[in-house]
Amino acid sequence: MGKVLVNGIKLYAYHGCMEEEGKVGRSFIVDVVLDADFTKAEQTDRITDAVNYVTVYEIVKREMDIRSHLIEHVGRRIVKALQQEFPQVTTIEVKVTKLNPPIHGNVDSTAVIITN
């Protein structure tokens, strides 16, 4: 067993409840942790037997491109899509961070962590 971490996926997206967020958008960071059995990949040294980082990025980007009011919603979509793509993964953790959220105060970010 082991973990695949894809950290700091920086994307610009249009998530949020406020109308302005749907028009202007903002920066987000997504971090993904996948627990999987690496035995086959360790033995064969083939990408087809591993969790492909490029595919993880592409799934995150695709789901982040679909507007949601809540980052909880987009986070759950990412988890579901990763589960479908990588059935060998036992546990998935996705952290979606919204930078400079529209809060009346000095806040760097808000985030949610979604797991399966």
N, C-alpha and C. Protein backbone atom coordinates (compact mmCIF):
# COMPACT_ATOMS: atom_id res chain seq x y z
N MET A 1 0.85 -1.19 0.00
CA MET A 1 0.00 0.00 0.00
C MET A 1 0.89 1.24 0.00
N GLY A 2 0.32 2.31 -0.50
CA GLY A 2 1.03 3.57 -0.51
C GLY A 2 0.07 4.71 -0.80
N LYS A 3 0.62 5.89 -0.93
CA LYS A 3 -0.18 7.09 -1.20
C LYS A 3 0.37 7.81 -2.41
N VAL A 4 -0.52 8.32 -3.23
CA VAL A 4 -0.18 9.23 -4.31
C VAL A 4 -0.70 10.59 -3.89
N LEU A 5 0.17 11.59 -3.90
CA LEU A 5 -0.23 12.95 -3.58
C LEU A 5 -0.02 13.83 -4.80
N VAL A 6 -1.05 14.53 -5.18
CA VAL A 6 -0.94 15.54 -6.23
C VAL A 6 -1.34 16.85 -5.54
N ASN A 7 -0.33 17.66 -5.23
CA ASN A 7 -0.53 18.84 -4.39
C ASN A 7 -0.43 20.14 -5.18
N GLY A 8 -1.21 21.10 -4.75
CA GLY A 8 -1.08 22.46 -5.29
C GLY A 8 -1.55 22.62 -6.71
N ILE A 9 -2.63 21.94 -7.09
CA ILE A 9 -3.19 22.13 -8.43
C ILE A 9 -3.85 23.50 -8.44
N LYS A 10 -3.24 24.42 -9.17
CA LYS A 10 -3.71 25.81 -9.19
C LYS A 10 -4.62 26.03 -10.40
N LEU A 11 -5.86 26.45 -10.12
CA LEU A 11 -6.84 26.64 -11.18
C LEU A 11 -7.64 27.92 -10.93
N TYR A 12 -8.13 28.47 -12.00
CA TYR A 12 -9.04 29.61 -11.90
C TYR A 12 -10.43 29.08 -12.22
N ALA A 13 -11.40 29.35 -11.34
CA ALA A 13 -12.74 28.80 -11.53
C ALA A 13 -13.79 29.78 -11.05
N TYR A 14 -15.04 29.40 -11.20
CA TYR A 14 -16.16 30.30 -10.98
C TYR A 14 -17.14 29.76 -9.95
N HIS A 15 -16.63 29.18 -8.88
CA HIS A 15 -17.48 28.61 -7.84
C HIS A 15 -17.81 29.66 -6.79
N GLY A 16 -19.04 29.59 -6.29
CA GLY A 16 -19.45 30.48 -5.22
C GLY A 16 -20.92 30.83 -5.34
N CYS A 17 -21.50 31.20 -4.21
CA CYS A 17 -22.92 31.53 -4.16
C CYS A 17 -23.22 32.93 -4.69
N MET A 18 -22.24 33.80 -4.65
CA MET A 18 -22.48 35.17 -5.07
C MET A 18 -22.44 35.27 -6.60
N GLU A 19 -23.33 36.09 -7.15
CA GLU A 19 -23.40 36.27 -8.60
C GLU A 19 -22.06 36.72 -9.16
N GLU A 20 -21.38 37.59 -8.44
CA GLU A 20 -20.06 38.10 -8.86
C GLU A 20 -19.05 36.97 -9.05
N GLU A 21 -19.09 35.97 -8.18
CA GLU A 21 -18.15 34.86 -8.27
C GLU A 21 -18.35 34.07 -9.57
N GLY A 22 -19.59 33.99 -10.03
CA GLY A 22 -19.88 33.29 -11.27
C GLY A 22 -19.41 34.05 -12.50
N LYS A 23 -19.23 35.36 -12.37
CA LYS A 23 -18.79 36.19 -13.50
C LYS A 23 -17.29 36.44 -13.48
N VAL A 24 -16.78 36.79 -12.32
CA VAL A 24 -15.38 37.19 -12.20
C VAL A 24 -14.46 36.00 -11.91
N GLY A 25 -14.93 35.08 -11.09
CA GLY A 25 -14.13 33.93 -10.71
C GLY A 25 -13.03 34.28 -9.73
N ARG A 26 -12.26 33.27 -9.39
CA ARG A 26 -11.12 33.46 -8.46
C ARG A 26 -10.21 32.25 -8.52
N SER A 27 -9.12 32.34 -7.82
CA SER A 27 -8.13 31.26 -7.81
C SER A 27 -8.47 30.22 -6.75
N PHE A 28 -8.19 28.97 -7.11
CA PHE A 28 -8.40 27.83 -6.22
C PHE A 28 -7.14 26.97 -6.24
N ILE A 29 -6.97 26.21 -5.16
CA ILE A 29 -5.91 25.21 -5.10
C ILE A 29 -6.57 23.90 -4.68
N VAL A 30 -6.24 22.84 -5.40
CA VAL A 30 -6.79 21.52 -5.08
C VAL A 30 -5.62 20.58 -4.76
N ASP A 31 -5.77 19.84 -3.66
CA ASP A 31 -4.80 18.82 -3.25
C ASP A 31 -5.52 17.48 -3.22
N VAL A 32 -4.86 16.45 -3.74
CA VAL A 32 -5.46 15.12 -3.82
C VAL A 32 -4.52 14.10 -3.16
N VAL A 33 -5.10 13.24 -2.33
CA VAL A 33 -4.36 12.12 -1.72
C VAL A 33 -5.13 10.85 -2.06
N LEU A 34 -4.43 9.89 -2.66
CA LEU A 34 -5.04 8.62 -3.06
C LEU A 34 -4.27 7.48 -2.41
N ASP A 35 -4.97 6.61 -1.68
CA ASP A 35 -4.37 5.41 -1.10
C ASP A 35 -4.62 4.26 -2.07
N ALA A 36 -3.56 3.53 -2.40
CA ALA A 36 -3.71 2.42 -3.35
C ALA A 36 -2.64 1.37 -3.11
N ASP A 37 -2.88 0.20 -3.67
CA ASP A 37 -1.91 -0.88 -3.66
C ASP A 37 -0.99 -0.68 -4.86
N PHE A 38 0.27 -0.43 -4.62
CA PHE A 38 1.25 -0.16 -5.68
C PHE A 38 2.02 -1.41 -6.11
N THR A 39 1.66 -2.56 -5.58
CA THR A 39 2.44 -3.77 -5.82
C THR A 39 2.69 -4.02 -7.31
N LYS A 40 1.64 -3.98 -8.10
CA LYS A 40 1.79 -4.28 -9.52
C LYS A 40 2.68 -3.24 -10.21
N ALA A 41 2.44 -1.97 -9.95
CA ALA A 41 3.25 -0.90 -10.56
C ALA A 41 4.71 -1.00 -10.14
N GLU A 42 4.94 -1.37 -8.90
CA GLU A 42 6.31 -1.52 -8.41
C GLU A 42 7.05 -2.64 -9.14
N GLN A 43 6.31 -3.66 -9.52
CA GLN A 43 6.92 -4.82 -10.18
C GLN A 43 7.09 -4.61 -11.69
N THR A 44 6.09 -3.97 -12.32
CA THR A 44 6.11 -3.87 -13.79
C THR A 44 6.76 -2.60 -14.31
N ASP A 45 6.76 -1.54 -13.49
CA ASP A 45 7.29 -0.24 -13.91
C ASP A 45 6.53 0.33 -15.12
N ARG A 46 5.23 0.02 -15.19
CA ARG A 46 4.38 0.52 -16.28
C ARG A 46 3.35 1.50 -15.74
N ILE A 47 3.19 2.60 -16.44
CA ILE A 47 2.22 3.63 -16.03
C ILE A 47 0.80 3.08 -16.04
N THR A 48 0.54 2.11 -16.90
CA THR A 48 -0.81 1.53 -16.96
C THR A 48 -1.17 0.78 -15.69
N ASP A 49 -0.19 0.45 -14.87
CA ASP A 49 -0.44 -0.25 -13.61
C ASP A 49 -0.39 0.69 -12.40
N ALA A 50 -0.29 1.97 -12.67
CA ALA A 50 -0.15 2.96 -11.60
C ALA A 50 -1.30 3.97 -11.65
N VAL A 51 -1.36 4.80 -10.64
CA VAL A 51 -2.26 5.95 -10.64
C VAL A 51 -1.53 7.04 -11.41
N ASN A 52 -2.05 7.39 -12.56
CA ASN A 52 -1.40 8.36 -13.45
C ASN A 52 -1.68 9.78 -12.96
N TYR A 53 -0.63 10.51 -12.60
CA TYR A 53 -0.78 11.88 -12.08
C TYR A 53 -1.42 12.81 -13.10
N VAL A 54 -1.10 12.59 -14.37
CA VAL A 54 -1.68 13.43 -15.43
C VAL A 54 -3.19 13.26 -15.47
N THR A 55 -3.65 12.03 -15.36
CA THR A 55 -5.09 11.77 -15.35
C THR A 55 -5.75 12.39 -14.13
N VAL A 56 -5.09 12.31 -12.98
CA VAL A 56 -5.63 12.96 -11.77
C VAL A 56 -5.81 14.45 -12.03
N TYR A 57 -4.79 15.09 -12.58
CA TYR A 57 -4.89 16.53 -12.89
C TYR A 57 -6.04 16.81 -13.86
N GLU A 58 -6.14 16.02 -14.91
CA GLU A 58 -7.18 16.24 -15.92
C GLU A 58 -8.57 16.11 -15.32
N ILE A 59 -8.78 15.14 -14.43
CA ILE A 59 -10.07 14.97 -13.76
C ILE A 59 -10.38 16.18 -12.89
N VAL A 60 -9.40 16.62 -12.11
CA VAL A 60 -9.61 17.78 -11.25
C VAL A 60 -9.95 19.00 -12.09
N LYS A 61 -9.21 19.24 -13.14
CA LYS A 61 -9.47 20.40 -14.00
C LYS A 61 -10.86 20.33 -14.62
N ARG A 62 -11.21 19.16 -15.15
CA ARG A 62 -12.53 19.00 -15.78
C ARG A 62 -13.67 19.33 -14.79
N GLU A 63 -13.57 18.80 -13.59
CA GLU A 63 -14.64 19.04 -12.60
C GLU A 63 -14.63 20.47 -12.09
N MET A 64 -13.45 21.07 -11.97
CA MET A 64 -13.37 22.47 -11.53
C MET A 64 -13.91 23.42 -12.59
N ASP A 65 -13.92 23.00 -13.84
CA ASP A 65 -14.46 23.83 -14.93
C ASP A 65 -15.98 23.90 -14.92
N ILE A 66 -16.63 23.02 -14.15
CA ILE A 66 -18.10 23.01 -14.06
C ILE A 66 -18.48 23.85 -12.84
N ARG A 67 -19.18 24.94 -13.07
CA ARG A 67 -19.53 25.86 -11.98
C ARG A 67 -20.40 25.19 -10.92
N SER A 68 -20.06 25.46 -9.66
CA SER A 68 -20.85 25.03 -8.51
C SER A 68 -21.00 26.21 -7.57
N HIS A 69 -22.08 26.22 -6.82
CA HIS A 69 -22.23 27.25 -5.80
C HIS A 69 -21.34 26.95 -4.59
N LEU A 70 -21.16 25.66 -4.29
CA LEU A 70 -20.41 25.27 -3.10
C LEU A 70 -19.17 24.47 -3.47
N ILE A 71 -18.06 24.74 -2.77
CA ILE A 71 -16.86 23.97 -3.03
C ILE A 71 -17.02 22.53 -2.52
N GLU A 72 -17.95 22.32 -1.59
CA GLU A 72 -18.26 20.97 -1.15
C GLU A 72 -18.79 20.14 -2.34
N HIS A 73 -19.60 20.76 -3.16
CA HIS A 73 -20.20 20.08 -4.31
C HIS A 73 -19.14 19.69 -5.33
N VAL A 74 -18.28 20.63 -5.69
CA VAL A 74 -17.24 20.33 -6.67
C VAL A 74 -16.25 19.31 -6.10
N GLY A 75 -15.96 19.39 -4.81
CA GLY A 75 -15.07 18.41 -4.18
C GLY A 75 -15.62 17.00 -4.25
N ARG A 76 -16.92 16.84 -4.02
CA ARG A 76 -17.55 15.52 -4.10
C ARG A 76 -17.53 14.99 -5.53
N ARG A 77 -17.74 15.88 -6.51
CA ARG A 77 -17.67 15.45 -7.92
C ARG A 77 -16.28 14.94 -8.26
N ILE A 78 -15.26 15.61 -7.76
CA ILE A 78 -13.88 15.18 -8.01
C ILE A 78 -13.65 13.80 -7.41
N VAL A 79 -14.09 13.60 -6.17
CA VAL A 79 -13.92 12.29 -5.52
C VAL A 79 -14.61 11.20 -6.34
N LYS A 80 -15.85 11.43 -6.75
CA LYS A 80 -16.58 10.42 -7.53
C LYS A 80 -15.89 10.10 -8.85
N ALA A 81 -15.41 11.13 -9.53
CA ALA A 81 -14.73 10.92 -10.82
C ALA A 81 -13.44 10.14 -10.63
N LEU A 82 -12.69 10.43 -9.57
CA LEU A 82 -11.46 9.68 -9.29
C LEU A 82 -11.76 8.23 -8.95
N GLN A 83 -12.84 7.99 -8.22
CA GLN A 83 -13.24 6.62 -7.89
C GLN A 83 -13.54 5.82 -9.16
N GLN A 84 -14.23 6.46 -10.09
CA GLN A 84 -14.58 5.78 -11.34
C GLN A 84 -13.34 5.47 -12.18
N GLU A 85 -12.41 6.40 -12.22
CA GLU A 85 -11.21 6.23 -13.05
C GLU A 85 -10.21 5.25 -12.45
N PHE A 86 -10.11 5.22 -11.13
CA PHE A 86 -9.09 4.41 -10.46
C PHE A 86 -9.73 3.46 -9.45
N PRO A 87 -10.29 2.34 -9.91
CA PRO A 87 -10.95 1.41 -8.98
C PRO A 87 -9.98 0.77 -7.98
N GLN A 88 -8.68 0.81 -8.27
CA GLN A 88 -7.70 0.21 -7.36
C GLN A 88 -7.42 1.11 -6.14
N VAL A 89 -7.93 2.33 -6.17
CA VAL A 89 -7.71 3.26 -5.06
C VAL A 89 -8.71 2.94 -3.95
N THR A 90 -8.20 2.83 -2.73
CA THR A 90 -9.06 2.48 -1.59
C THR A 90 -9.61 3.70 -0.86
N THR A 91 -8.83 4.76 -0.77
CA THR A 91 -9.26 5.96 -0.08
C THR A 91 -8.86 7.18 -0.89
N ILE A 92 -9.76 8.14 -0.96
CA ILE A 92 -9.50 9.39 -1.69
C ILE A 92 -9.78 10.55 -0.75
N GLU A 93 -8.88 11.50 -0.74
CA GLU A 93 -9.09 12.75 0.00
C GLU A 93 -8.82 13.90 -0.96
N VAL A 94 -9.78 14.81 -1.06
CA VAL A 94 -9.65 15.97 -1.94
C VAL A 94 -9.87 17.23 -1.10
N LYS A 95 -8.90 18.11 -1.16
CA LYS A 95 -9.01 19.40 -0.48
C LYS A 95 -9.16 20.49 -1.53
N VAL A 96 -10.24 21.24 -1.45
CA VAL A 96 -10.49 22.36 -2.37
C VAL A 96 -10.37 23.65 -1.55
N THR A 97 -9.43 24.49 -1.94
CA THR A 97 -9.17 25.74 -1.23
C THR A 97 -9.55 26.91 -2.13
N LYS A 98 -10.38 27.80 -1.61
CA LYS A 98 -10.75 29.03 -2.32
C LYS A 98 -9.89 30.15 -1.76
N LEU A 99 -9.08 30.76 -2.63
CA LEU A 99 -8.20 31.85 -2.19
C LEU A 99 -8.97 33.17 -2.19
N ASN A 100 -8.67 34.00 -1.23
CA ASN A 100 -9.29 35.33 -1.10
C ASN A 100 -10.81 35.27 -1.22
N PRO A 101 -11.47 34.53 -0.34
CA PRO A 101 -12.92 34.41 -0.42
C PRO A 101 -13.60 35.75 -0.13
N PRO A 102 -14.80 35.96 -0.68
CA PRO A 102 -15.50 37.23 -0.48
C PRO A 102 -16.14 37.30 0.91
N ILE A 103 -15.30 37.40 1.90
CA ILE A 103 -15.74 37.51 3.29
C ILE A 103 -15.37 38.92 3.75
N HIS A 104 -16.25 39.53 4.50
CA HIS A 104 -15.97 40.88 4.99
C HIS A 104 -14.99 40.80 6.15
N GLY A 105 -13.73 40.57 5.79
CA GLY A 105 -12.67 40.44 6.78
C GLY A 105 -11.40 40.01 6.07
N ASN A 106 -10.32 39.95 6.80
CA ASN A 106 -9.02 39.60 6.25
C ASN A 106 -8.83 38.08 6.36
N VAL A 107 -9.21 37.35 5.28
CA VAL A 107 -9.14 35.90 5.27
C VAL A 107 -8.37 35.47 4.02
N ASP A 108 -7.31 34.69 4.20
CA ASP A 108 -6.51 34.21 3.07
C ASP A 108 -7.27 33.20 2.22
N SER A 109 -7.96 32.26 2.89
CA SER A 109 -8.62 31.20 2.14
C SER A 109 -9.66 30.50 2.99
N THR A 110 -10.53 29.78 2.30
CA THR A 110 -11.43 28.82 2.93
C THR A 110 -11.21 27.49 2.22
N ALA A 111 -11.50 26.38 2.89
CA ALA A 111 -11.26 25.08 2.28
C ALA A 111 -12.21 24.04 2.82
N VAL A 112 -12.41 23.01 2.01
CA VAL A 112 -13.14 21.82 2.47
C VAL A 112 -12.28 20.61 2.12
N ILE A 113 -12.42 19.57 2.92
CA ILE A 113 -11.78 18.29 2.63
C ILE A 113 -12.89 17.26 2.50
N ILE A 114 -12.93 16.61 1.34
CA ILE A 114 -13.93 15.59 1.05
C ILE A 114 -13.22 14.25 0.93
N THR A 115 -13.77 13.22 1.57
CA THR A 115 -13.21 11.87 1.48
C THR A 115 -14.29 10.90 1.06
N ASN A 116 -13.86 9.74 0.57
CA ASN A 116 -14.84 8.72 0.22
C ASN A 116 -15.03 7.76 1.36
